[in-house]
Structures are given as structure tokens and as C-alpha cells.
Amino acid sequence: VPVFEYAPAMVKRAVGTGGAAAKE
């Protein structure tokens, strides 16, 4: 299965939060 990596800030933006958003 291929593996893909995403930067934490990109992950947060993908769900609609800012790159520095808290876990909550």
C-alpha cells in the first residue's frame, strides 16, 4: 500500500482550521 505524507499545517487547513490551530 503506498504511503503519503502531509505537513501538520496542511492537514489542519484541509479540515478548515488554521495551520497553528489547537488540537481541540
PDB file of all heavy atoms in Angstrom:
ATOM      1  N   VAL A   1       0.854  -1.188   0.000  1.00  0.00           N
ATOM      2  CA  VAL A   1       0.000   0.000   0.000  1.00  0.00           C
ATOM      3  C   VAL A   1       0.891   1.238   0.000  1.00  0.00           C
ATOM      4  O   VAL A   1       1.762   1.371   0.858  1.00  0.00           O
ATOM      5  CB  VAL A   1      -0.933   0.002   1.236  1.00  0.00           C
ATOM      6  CG1 VAL A   1      -1.807   1.234   1.251  1.00  0.00           C
ATOM      7  CG2 VAL A   1      -1.790  -1.257   1.267  1.00  0.00           C
ATOM      8  N   PRO A   2       0.687   2.158  -0.941  1.00  0.00           N
ATOM      9  CA  PRO A   2       1.526   3.363  -0.967  1.00  0.00           C
ATOM     10  C   PRO A   2       1.279   4.254   0.256  1.00  0.00           C
ATOM     11  O   PRO A   2       0.169   4.302   0.787  1.00  0.00           O
ATOM     12  CB  PRO A   2       1.102   4.067  -2.253  1.00  0.00           C
ATOM     13  CG  PRO A   2      -0.250   3.544  -2.569  1.00  0.00           C
ATOM     14  CD  PRO A   2      -0.312   2.154  -2.009  1.00  0.00           C
ATOM     15  N   VAL A   3       2.327   4.939   0.671  1.00  0.00           N
ATOM     16  CA  VAL A   3       2.263   5.826   1.835  1.00  0.00           C
ATOM     17  C   VAL A   3       2.467   7.258   1.359  1.00  0.00           C
ATOM     18  O   VAL A   3       3.349   7.530   0.543  1.00  0.00           O
ATOM     19  CB  VAL A   3       3.354   5.463   2.865  1.00  0.00           C
ATOM     20  CG1 VAL A   3       3.349   6.435   4.026  1.00  0.00           C
ATOM     21  CG2 VAL A   3       3.171   4.034   3.354  1.00  0.00           C
ATOM     22  N   PHE A   4       1.647   8.169   1.884  1.00  0.00           N
ATOM     23  CA  PHE A   4       1.753   9.584   1.561  1.00  0.00           C
ATOM     24  C   PHE A   4       1.914  10.358   2.859  1.00  0.00           C
ATOM     25  O   PHE A   4       1.330  10.013   3.884  1.00  0.00           O
ATOM     26  CB  PHE A   4       0.508  10.063   0.813  1.00  0.00           C
ATOM     27  CG  PHE A   4       0.361   9.419  -0.529  1.00  0.00           C
ATOM     28  CD1 PHE A   4      -0.284   8.192  -0.652  1.00  0.00           C
ATOM     29  CD2 PHE A   4       0.897  10.004  -1.660  1.00  0.00           C
ATOM     30  CE1 PHE A   4      -0.401   7.574  -1.880  1.00  0.00           C
ATOM     31  CE2 PHE A   4       0.791   9.392  -2.894  1.00  0.00           C
ATOM     32  CZ  PHE A   4       0.139   8.167  -3.014  1.00  0.00           C
ATOM     33  N   GLU A   5       2.681  11.425   2.800  1.00  0.00           N
ATOM     34  CA  GLU A   5       2.988  12.240   3.979  1.00  0.00           C
ATOM     35  C   GLU A   5       2.482  13.659   3.761  1.00  0.00           C
ATOM     36  O   GLU A   5       2.628  14.209   2.665  1.00  0.00           O
ATOM     37  CB  GLU A   5       4.496  12.258   4.169  1.00  0.00           C
ATOM     38  CG  GLU A   5       4.956  13.260   5.181  1.00  0.00           C
ATOM     39  CD  GLU A   5       6.450  13.502   5.076  1.00  0.00           C
ATOM     40  OE1 GLU A   5       7.052  13.164   4.043  1.00  0.00           O
ATOM     41  OE2 GLU A   5       6.993  14.052   6.019  1.00  0.00           O
ATOM     42  N   TYR A   6       1.916  14.241   4.813  1.00  0.00           N
ATOM     43  CA  TYR A   6       1.412  15.609   4.750  1.00  0.00           C
ATOM     44  C   TYR A   6       1.883  16.391   5.970  1.00  0.00           C
ATOM     45  O   TYR A   6       1.857  15.881   7.089  1.00  0.00           O
ATOM     46  CB  TYR A   6      -0.121  15.609   4.660  1.00  0.00           C
ATOM     47  CG  TYR A   6      -0.583  14.901   3.420  1.00  0.00           C
ATOM     48  CD1 TYR A   6      -0.925  13.552   3.444  1.00  0.00           C
ATOM     49  CD2 TYR A   6      -0.599  15.564   2.192  1.00  0.00           C
ATOM     50  CE1 TYR A   6      -1.300  12.889   2.288  1.00  0.00           C
ATOM     51  CE2 TYR A   6      -0.960  14.910   1.030  1.00  0.00           C
ATOM     52  CZ  TYR A   6      -1.311  13.570   1.088  1.00  0.00           C
ATOM     53  OH  TYR A   6      -1.662  12.914  -0.057  1.00  0.00           O
ATOM     54  N   ALA A   7       2.296  17.619   5.725  1.00  0.00           N
ATOM     55  CA  ALA A   7       2.743  18.501   6.804  1.00  0.00           C
ATOM     56  C   ALA A   7       1.579  18.792   7.743  1.00  0.00           C
ATOM     57  O   ALA A   7       0.426  18.918   7.302  1.00  0.00           O
ATOM     58  CB  ALA A   7       3.281  19.806   6.225  1.00  0.00           C
ATOM     59  N   PRO A   8       1.842  18.902   9.049  1.00  0.00           N
ATOM     60  CA  PRO A   8       0.777  19.175  10.014  1.00  0.00           C
ATOM     61  C   PRO A   8      -0.078  20.399   9.652  1.00  0.00           C
ATOM     62  O   PRO A   8      -1.306  20.351   9.776  1.00  0.00           O
ATOM     63  CB  PRO A   8       1.525  19.383  11.332  1.00  0.00           C
ATOM     64  CG  PRO A   8       2.772  18.580  11.166  1.00  0.00           C
ATOM     65  CD  PRO A   8       3.140  18.714   9.707  1.00  0.00           C
ATOM     66  N   ALA A   9       0.547  21.470   9.180  1.00  0.00           N
ATOM     67  CA  ALA A   9      -0.218  22.679   8.818  1.00  0.00           C
ATOM     68  C   ALA A   9      -1.146  22.409   7.641  1.00  0.00           C
ATOM     69  O   ALA A   9      -2.276  22.912   7.602  1.00  0.00           O
ATOM     70  CB  ALA A   9       0.733  23.831   8.501  1.00  0.00           C
ATOM     71  N   MET A  10      -0.706  21.597   6.674  1.00  0.00           N
ATOM     72  CA  MET A  10      -1.545  21.253   5.524  1.00  0.00           C
ATOM     73  C   MET A  10      -2.752  20.422   5.980  1.00  0.00           C
ATOM     74  O   MET A  10      -3.865  20.619   5.500  1.00  0.00           O
ATOM     75  CB  MET A  10      -0.747  20.474   4.485  1.00  0.00           C
ATOM     76  CG  MET A  10      -1.564  20.149   3.241  1.00  0.00           C
ATOM     77  SD  MET A  10      -0.679  19.103   2.058  1.00  0.00           S
ATOM     78  CE  MET A  10       0.613  20.207   1.547  1.00  0.00           C
ATOM     79  N   VAL A  11      -2.523  19.510   6.911  1.00  0.00           N
ATOM     80  CA  VAL A  11      -3.606  18.675   7.441  1.00  0.00           C
ATOM     81  C   VAL A  11      -4.649  19.552   8.120  1.00  0.00           C
ATOM     82  O   VAL A  11      -5.852  19.406   7.892  1.00  0.00           O
ATOM     83  CB  VAL A  11      -3.054  17.617   8.428  1.00  0.00           C
ATOM     84  CG1 VAL A  11      -4.184  16.899   9.152  1.00  0.00           C
ATOM     85  CG2 VAL A  11      -2.156  16.622   7.697  1.00  0.00           C
ATOM     86  N   LYS A  12      -4.197  20.505   8.920  1.00  0.00           N
ATOM     87  CA  LYS A  12      -5.132  21.398   9.625  1.00  0.00           C
ATOM     88  C   LYS A  12      -5.932  22.249   8.648  1.00  0.00           C
ATOM     89  O   LYS A  12      -7.139  22.421   8.817  1.00  0.00           O
ATOM     90  CB  LYS A  12      -4.367  22.268  10.618  1.00  0.00           C
ATOM     91  CG  LYS A  12      -3.825  21.465  11.794  1.00  0.00           C
ATOM     92  CD  LYS A  12      -2.976  22.311  12.704  1.00  0.00           C
ATOM     93  CE  LYS A  12      -2.419  21.468  13.837  1.00  0.00           C
ATOM     94  NZ  LYS A  12      -1.575  22.254  14.730  1.00  0.00           N
ATOM     95  N   ARG A  13      -5.277  22.745   7.619  1.00  0.00           N
ATOM     96  CA  ARG A  13      -6.003  23.544   6.617  1.00  0.00           C
ATOM     97  C   ARG A  13      -7.022  22.699   5.857  1.00  0.00           C
ATOM     98  O   ARG A  13      -8.092  23.178   5.479  1.00  0.00           O
ATOM     99  CB  ARG A  13      -5.022  24.202   5.649  1.00  0.00           C
ATOM    100  CG  ARG A  13      -4.291  25.395   6.252  1.00  0.00           C
ATOM    101  CD  ARG A  13      -3.534  26.191   5.197  1.00  0.00           C
ATOM    102  NE  ARG A  13      -2.580  25.396   4.445  1.00  0.00           N
ATOM    103  CZ  ARG A  13      -1.305  25.204   4.796  1.00  0.00           C
ATOM    104  NH1 ARG A  13      -0.838  25.762   5.889  1.00  0.00           N
ATOM    105  NH2 ARG A  13      -0.508  24.473   4.048  1.00  0.00           N
ATOM    106  N   ALA A  14      -6.716  21.428   5.623  1.00  0.00           N
ATOM    107  CA  ALA A  14      -7.617  20.546   4.879  1.00  0.00           C
ATOM    108  C   ALA A  14      -8.946  20.331   5.586  1.00  0.00           C
ATOM    109  O   ALA A  14      -9.955  20.082   4.948  1.00  0.00           O
ATOM    110  CB  ALA A  14      -6.946  19.196   4.629  1.00  0.00           C
ATOM    111  N   VAL A  15      -8.945  20.447   6.917  1.00  0.00           N
ATOM    112  CA  VAL A  15     -10.197  20.268   7.659  1.00  0.00           C
ATOM    113  C   VAL A  15     -10.811  21.606   8.048  1.00  0.00           C
ATOM    114  O   VAL A  15     -11.785  21.659   8.791  1.00  0.00           O
ATOM    115  CB  VAL A  15     -10.026  19.356   8.895  1.00  0.00           C
ATOM    116  CG1 VAL A  15      -9.655  17.946   8.476  1.00  0.00           C
ATOM    117  CG2 VAL A  15      -9.032  19.930   9.893  1.00  0.00           C
ATOM    118  N   GLY A  16     -10.217  22.692   7.551  1.00  0.00           N
ATOM    119  CA  GLY A  16     -10.820  24.007   7.762  1.00  0.00           C
ATOM    120  C   GLY A  16     -10.350  24.775   8.966  1.00  0.00           C
ATOM    121  O   GLY A  16     -11.001  25.730   9.388  1.00  0.00           O
ATOM    122  N   THR A  17      -9.225  24.381   9.535  1.00  0.00           N
ATOM    123  CA  THR A  17      -8.658  25.156  10.644  1.00  0.00           C
ATOM    124  C   THR A  17      -7.359  25.778  10.160  1.00  0.00           C
ATOM    125  O   THR A  17      -6.820  25.390   9.138  1.00  0.00           O
ATOM    126  CB  THR A  17      -8.370  24.274  11.880  1.00  0.00           C
ATOM    127  OG1 THR A  17      -7.384  23.301  11.541  1.00  0.00           O
ATOM    128  CG2 THR A  17      -9.627  23.583  12.375  1.00  0.00           C
ATOM    129  N   GLY A  18      -6.854  26.732  10.896  1.00  0.00           N
ATOM    130  CA  GLY A  18      -5.581  27.348  10.533  1.00  0.00           C
ATOM    131  C   GLY A  18      -4.425  26.409  10.812  1.00  0.00           C
ATOM    132  O   GLY A  18      -4.554  25.447  11.569  1.00  0.00           O
ATOM    133  N   GLY A  19      -3.293  26.696  10.206  1.00  0.00           N
ATOM    134  CA  GLY A  19      -2.110  25.869  10.368  1.00  0.00           C
ATOM    135  C   GLY A  19      -1.582  25.782  11.778  1.00  0.00           C
ATOM    136  O   GLY A  19      -0.909  24.836  12.137  1.00  0.00           O
ATOM    137  N   ALA A  20      -1.926  26.751  12.628  1.00  0.00           N
ATOM    138  CA  ALA A  20      -1.459  26.740  14.013  1.00  0.00           C
ATOM    139  C   ALA A  20      -2.586  26.395  14.981  1.00  0.00           C
ATOM    140  O   ALA A  20      -2.488  26.636  16.174  1.00  0.00           O
ATOM    141  CB  ALA A  20      -0.869  28.101  14.365  1.00  0.00           C
ATOM    142  N   ALA A  21      -3.669  25.807  14.491  1.00  0.00           N
ATOM    143  CA  ALA A  21      -4.839  25.506  15.316  1.00  0.00           C
ATOM    144  C   ALA A  21      -4.507  24.491  16.405  1.00  0.00           C
ATOM    145  O   ALA A  21      -3.690  23.595  16.222  1.00  0.00           O
ATOM    146  CB  ALA A  21      -5.972  24.973  14.448  1.00  0.00           C
ATOM    147  N   ALA A  22      -5.194  24.626  17.525  1.00  0.00           N
ATOM    148  CA  ALA A  22      -5.038  23.697  18.644  1.00  0.00           C
ATOM    149  C   ALA A  22      -5.750  22.387  18.321  1.00  0.00           C
ATOM    150  O   ALA A  22      -6.625  22.330  17.454  1.00  0.00           O
ATOM    151  CB  ALA A  22      -5.633  24.312  19.907  1.00  0.00           C
ATOM    152  N   LYS A  23      -5.374  21.325  19.050  1.00  0.00           N
ATOM    153  CA  LYS A  23      -5.977  20.013  18.836  1.00  0.00           C
ATOM    154  C   LYS A  23      -7.496  20.046  18.986  1.00  0.00           C
ATOM    155  O   LYS A  23      -8.210  19.347  18.270  1.00  0.00           O
ATOM    156  CB  LYS A  23      -5.384  18.991  19.805  1.00  0.00           C
ATOM    157  CG  LYS A  23      -4.000  18.536  19.399  1.00  0.00           C
ATOM    158  CD  LYS A  23      -3.618  17.289  20.175  1.00  0.00           C
ATOM    159  CE  LYS A  23      -2.336  16.695  19.670  1.00  0.00           C
ATOM    160  NZ  LYS A  23      -2.488  15.999  18.401  1.00  0.00           N
ATOM    161  N   GLU A  24      -7.985  20.847  19.903  1.00  0.00           N
ATOM    162  CA  GLU A  24      -9.437  20.941  20.129  1.00  0.00           C
ATOM    163  C   GLU A  24     -10.146  21.491  18.895  1.00  0.00           C
ATOM    164  O   GLU A  24     -11.232  21.043  18.542  1.00  0.00           O
ATOM    165  CB  GLU A  24      -9.755  21.818  21.345  1.00  0.00           C
ATOM    166  CG  GLU A  24      -9.242  21.268  22.661  1.00  0.00           C
ATOM    167  CD  GLU A  24      -7.747  21.492  22.895  1.00  0.00           C
ATOM    168  OE1 GLU A  24      -7.139  22.401  22.250  1.00  0.00           O
ATOM    169  OE2 GLU A  24      -7.170  20.731  23.692  1.00  0.00           O
TER     170      GLU A  24
END
